[in-house]
N, C-alpha and C. Protein backbone atom coordinates (compact mmCIF):
# COMPACT_ATOMS: atom_id res chain seq x y z
N MET A 1 5.96 0.65 14.65
CA MET A 1 7.37 0.43 14.75
C MET A 1 7.93 0.13 13.35
N LYS A 2 9.04 0.70 13.04
CA LYS A 2 9.65 0.56 11.72
C LYS A 2 10.41 -0.75 11.57
N TYR A 3 10.56 -1.14 10.32
CA TYR A 3 11.42 -2.26 9.95
C TYR A 3 12.74 -1.71 9.43
N ARG A 4 13.79 -2.47 9.59
CA ARG A 4 15.08 -2.12 8.99
C ARG A 4 15.12 -2.78 7.62
N VAL A 5 15.49 -2.04 6.59
CA VAL A 5 15.55 -2.56 5.23
C VAL A 5 17.01 -2.81 4.87
N VAL A 6 17.29 -4.05 4.47
CA VAL A 6 18.65 -4.46 4.11
C VAL A 6 18.64 -4.97 2.68
N TRP A 7 19.42 -4.33 1.83
CA TRP A 7 19.56 -4.79 0.46
C TRP A 7 20.70 -5.81 0.43
N THR A 8 20.41 -7.03 -0.07
CA THR A 8 21.45 -8.05 -0.19
C THR A 8 22.45 -7.60 -1.25
N ALA A 9 23.59 -8.28 -1.29
CA ALA A 9 24.61 -7.96 -2.29
C ALA A 9 24.05 -8.12 -3.70
N ASP A 10 23.24 -9.17 -3.93
CA ASP A 10 22.65 -9.37 -5.26
C ASP A 10 21.71 -8.23 -5.63
N ALA A 11 20.86 -7.82 -4.70
CA ALA A 11 19.92 -6.73 -4.96
C ALA A 11 20.66 -5.41 -5.17
N THR A 12 21.71 -5.19 -4.40
CA THR A 12 22.50 -3.97 -4.57
C THR A 12 23.15 -3.94 -5.95
N SER A 13 23.67 -5.07 -6.37
CA SER A 13 24.26 -5.17 -7.69
C SER A 13 23.21 -4.94 -8.77
N ASP A 14 22.01 -5.52 -8.58
CA ASP A 14 20.92 -5.35 -9.54
C ASP A 14 20.54 -3.88 -9.70
N ILE A 15 20.36 -3.18 -8.57
CA ILE A 15 19.91 -1.78 -8.65
C ILE A 15 21.01 -0.89 -9.21
N LEU A 16 22.26 -1.20 -8.90
CA LEU A 16 23.37 -0.43 -9.46
C LEU A 16 23.44 -0.61 -10.98
N GLU A 17 23.26 -1.83 -11.44
CA GLU A 17 23.26 -2.10 -12.88
C GLU A 17 22.09 -1.40 -13.56
N LEU A 18 20.93 -1.45 -12.92
CA LEU A 18 19.75 -0.78 -13.46
C LEU A 18 19.98 0.73 -13.55
N TRP A 19 20.51 1.31 -12.48
CA TRP A 19 20.76 2.75 -12.45
C TRP A 19 21.78 3.15 -13.51
N THR A 20 22.87 2.36 -13.61
CA THR A 20 23.94 2.67 -14.55
C THR A 20 23.45 2.64 -16.00
N SER A 21 22.58 1.69 -16.31
CA SER A 21 22.13 1.54 -17.69
C SER A 21 20.89 2.38 -18.02
N SER A 22 20.32 3.04 -17.02
CA SER A 22 19.09 3.79 -17.24
C SER A 22 19.33 5.15 -17.87
N SER A 23 18.40 5.54 -18.74
CA SER A 23 18.45 6.89 -19.29
C SER A 23 17.80 7.90 -18.34
N ASP A 24 17.12 7.39 -17.30
CA ASP A 24 16.47 8.26 -16.31
C ASP A 24 16.92 7.84 -14.91
N LYS A 25 18.14 8.17 -14.59
CA LYS A 25 18.72 7.79 -13.29
C LYS A 25 17.94 8.35 -12.11
N ALA A 26 17.40 9.54 -12.28
CA ALA A 26 16.62 10.16 -11.19
C ALA A 26 15.38 9.32 -10.87
N ALA A 27 14.74 8.78 -11.89
CA ALA A 27 13.54 7.95 -11.67
C ALA A 27 13.89 6.65 -10.95
N VAL A 28 15.01 6.05 -11.32
CA VAL A 28 15.45 4.82 -10.65
C VAL A 28 15.77 5.12 -9.18
N SER A 29 16.48 6.19 -8.93
CA SER A 29 16.83 6.57 -7.55
C SER A 29 15.57 6.86 -6.73
N ALA A 30 14.64 7.61 -7.30
CA ALA A 30 13.41 7.95 -6.59
C ALA A 30 12.58 6.70 -6.28
N ALA A 31 12.49 5.79 -7.24
CA ALA A 31 11.72 4.56 -7.03
C ALA A 31 12.36 3.70 -5.94
N ALA A 32 13.68 3.58 -5.94
CA ALA A 32 14.37 2.80 -4.91
C ALA A 32 14.17 3.41 -3.53
N ARG A 33 14.22 4.73 -3.43
CA ARG A 33 13.97 5.40 -2.14
C ARG A 33 12.54 5.17 -1.67
N LEU A 34 11.57 5.24 -2.59
CA LEU A 34 10.17 5.01 -2.23
C LEU A 34 9.96 3.57 -1.77
N ILE A 35 10.56 2.63 -2.46
CA ILE A 35 10.46 1.23 -2.05
C ILE A 35 11.05 1.06 -0.64
N ASP A 36 12.17 1.67 -0.38
CA ASP A 36 12.77 1.63 0.97
C ASP A 36 11.78 2.13 2.02
N ARG A 37 11.16 3.27 1.75
CA ARG A 37 10.22 3.87 2.72
C ARG A 37 9.00 2.97 2.94
N VAL A 38 8.46 2.42 1.86
CA VAL A 38 7.29 1.54 1.98
C VAL A 38 7.64 0.30 2.79
N LEU A 39 8.77 -0.32 2.47
CA LEU A 39 9.17 -1.53 3.18
C LEU A 39 9.54 -1.25 4.63
N GLU A 40 10.06 -0.08 4.89
CA GLU A 40 10.40 0.32 6.25
C GLU A 40 9.14 0.48 7.11
N GLN A 41 8.09 1.00 6.52
CA GLN A 41 6.87 1.31 7.27
C GLN A 41 5.88 0.14 7.35
N GLN A 42 5.57 -0.47 6.20
CA GLN A 42 4.50 -1.48 6.17
C GLN A 42 4.77 -2.56 5.14
N PRO A 43 5.78 -3.36 5.31
CA PRO A 43 6.10 -4.36 4.28
C PRO A 43 5.01 -5.40 4.09
N LEU A 44 4.27 -5.71 5.13
CA LEU A 44 3.23 -6.74 5.03
C LEU A 44 1.96 -6.21 4.38
N ASN A 45 1.87 -4.90 4.20
CA ASN A 45 0.69 -4.30 3.56
C ASN A 45 0.96 -3.87 2.14
N GLU A 46 2.10 -4.28 1.59
CA GLU A 46 2.43 -3.92 0.21
C GLU A 46 1.35 -4.47 -0.71
N LYS A 47 1.02 -3.69 -1.76
CA LYS A 47 -0.12 -4.04 -2.61
C LYS A 47 0.03 -5.38 -3.32
N HIS A 48 1.27 -5.82 -3.53
CA HIS A 48 1.47 -7.16 -4.09
C HIS A 48 1.48 -8.14 -2.94
N GLU A 49 0.87 -9.27 -3.13
CA GLU A 49 0.67 -10.23 -2.06
C GLU A 49 1.99 -10.66 -1.42
N VAL A 50 1.98 -10.73 -0.11
CA VAL A 50 3.12 -11.24 0.65
C VAL A 50 2.71 -12.59 1.19
N ILE A 51 3.41 -13.65 0.76
CA ILE A 51 3.08 -15.01 1.17
C ILE A 51 4.27 -15.59 1.92
N ASP A 52 4.01 -16.09 3.12
CA ASP A 52 5.07 -16.69 3.94
C ASP A 52 6.28 -15.78 4.08
N GLY A 53 6.04 -14.49 4.17
CA GLY A 53 7.11 -13.54 4.38
C GLY A 53 7.81 -13.06 3.12
N PHE A 54 7.46 -13.63 1.96
CA PHE A 54 8.08 -13.21 0.70
C PHE A 54 7.08 -12.36 -0.08
N GLY A 55 7.59 -11.30 -0.73
CA GLY A 55 6.71 -10.43 -1.49
C GLY A 55 7.44 -9.70 -2.60
N THR A 56 6.67 -8.91 -3.31
CA THR A 56 7.18 -8.10 -4.40
C THR A 56 6.66 -6.68 -4.22
N ALA A 57 7.53 -5.72 -4.46
CA ALA A 57 7.14 -4.31 -4.44
C ALA A 57 7.49 -3.71 -5.79
N VAL A 58 6.59 -2.92 -6.34
CA VAL A 58 6.81 -2.31 -7.65
C VAL A 58 6.54 -0.82 -7.56
N ARG A 59 7.52 -0.05 -7.97
CA ARG A 59 7.38 1.39 -8.15
C ARG A 59 8.13 1.71 -9.43
N VAL A 60 7.38 1.96 -10.50
CA VAL A 60 7.99 2.17 -11.82
C VAL A 60 9.07 3.23 -11.70
N PRO A 61 10.28 2.93 -12.17
CA PRO A 61 10.71 1.84 -13.04
C PRO A 61 11.42 0.68 -12.34
N VAL A 62 11.16 0.46 -11.05
CA VAL A 62 11.89 -0.57 -10.29
C VAL A 62 10.90 -1.54 -9.64
N GLY A 63 11.24 -2.81 -9.71
CA GLY A 63 10.54 -3.84 -8.97
C GLY A 63 11.54 -4.58 -8.10
N VAL A 64 11.11 -5.06 -6.94
CA VAL A 64 12.00 -5.82 -6.07
C VAL A 64 11.26 -7.01 -5.47
N ASP A 65 12.01 -8.07 -5.20
CA ASP A 65 11.54 -9.18 -4.38
C ASP A 65 12.11 -8.97 -2.99
N PHE A 66 11.33 -9.29 -1.97
CA PHE A 66 11.81 -9.11 -0.61
C PHE A 66 11.32 -10.22 0.29
N ARG A 67 11.98 -10.34 1.44
CA ARG A 67 11.59 -11.29 2.49
C ARG A 67 11.52 -10.53 3.80
N VAL A 68 10.46 -10.78 4.55
CA VAL A 68 10.26 -10.10 5.83
C VAL A 68 10.61 -11.06 6.97
N ASP A 69 11.48 -10.60 7.86
CA ASP A 69 11.79 -11.30 9.10
C ASP A 69 11.04 -10.52 10.18
N ASN A 70 9.82 -10.94 10.44
CA ASN A 70 8.94 -10.21 11.35
C ASN A 70 9.48 -10.18 12.77
N GLY A 71 10.06 -11.28 13.23
CA GLY A 71 10.56 -11.36 14.60
C GLY A 71 11.64 -10.33 14.88
N ASN A 72 12.50 -10.09 13.90
CA ASN A 72 13.58 -9.13 14.06
C ASN A 72 13.29 -7.78 13.40
N ARG A 73 12.11 -7.68 12.78
CA ARG A 73 11.66 -6.45 12.11
C ARG A 73 12.69 -5.98 11.07
N VAL A 74 13.07 -6.94 10.21
CA VAL A 74 14.01 -6.67 9.13
C VAL A 74 13.38 -7.11 7.82
N VAL A 75 13.55 -6.30 6.79
CA VAL A 75 13.13 -6.66 5.44
C VAL A 75 14.39 -6.80 4.60
N PHE A 76 14.55 -7.95 3.97
CA PHE A 76 15.69 -8.19 3.10
C PHE A 76 15.23 -8.04 1.65
N VAL A 77 15.81 -7.09 0.93
CA VAL A 77 15.55 -6.95 -0.50
C VAL A 77 16.47 -7.94 -1.19
N LEU A 78 15.88 -8.85 -1.96
CA LEU A 78 16.63 -9.97 -2.53
C LEU A 78 17.05 -9.76 -3.97
N ALA A 79 16.25 -9.04 -4.74
CA ALA A 79 16.55 -8.81 -6.16
C ALA A 79 15.81 -7.56 -6.61
N ALA A 80 16.35 -6.93 -7.66
CA ALA A 80 15.71 -5.74 -8.24
C ALA A 80 15.75 -5.88 -9.75
N TRP A 81 14.75 -5.32 -10.41
CA TRP A 81 14.70 -5.38 -11.86
C TRP A 81 13.94 -4.17 -12.39
N GLN A 82 14.05 -3.98 -13.71
CA GLN A 82 13.40 -2.83 -14.37
C GLN A 82 11.94 -3.14 -14.65
N ILE A 83 11.09 -2.16 -14.41
CA ILE A 83 9.66 -2.21 -14.74
C ILE A 83 9.40 -1.12 -15.77
N THR A 84 8.60 -1.42 -16.76
CA THR A 84 8.24 -0.41 -17.75
C THR A 84 6.78 -0.02 -17.62
N ASP A 85 6.42 1.13 -18.14
CA ASP A 85 5.05 1.64 -18.09
C ASP A 85 4.13 0.98 -19.11
N ASP A 86 4.68 0.21 -20.00
CA ASP A 86 3.91 -0.34 -21.12
C ASP A 86 2.67 -1.03 -20.70
């Protein structure tokens, strides 16, 4: 069963700022879509540890913090930031 992914206003603002300032907008968009799909399907199995419902997902060039509401099958994306390959 899928989870519903909800980006908070702060996370939406973060990703918009990241996209706007990026020289590779396609990469930011693709990473955000991939994060959505991963969190929709298996948020508790994300490779970064999920503790007490809070976790981090990283798909270069985007990282996000999220919270899982398992009872309602909702994932809230709380913040987004830029990740580099370095």
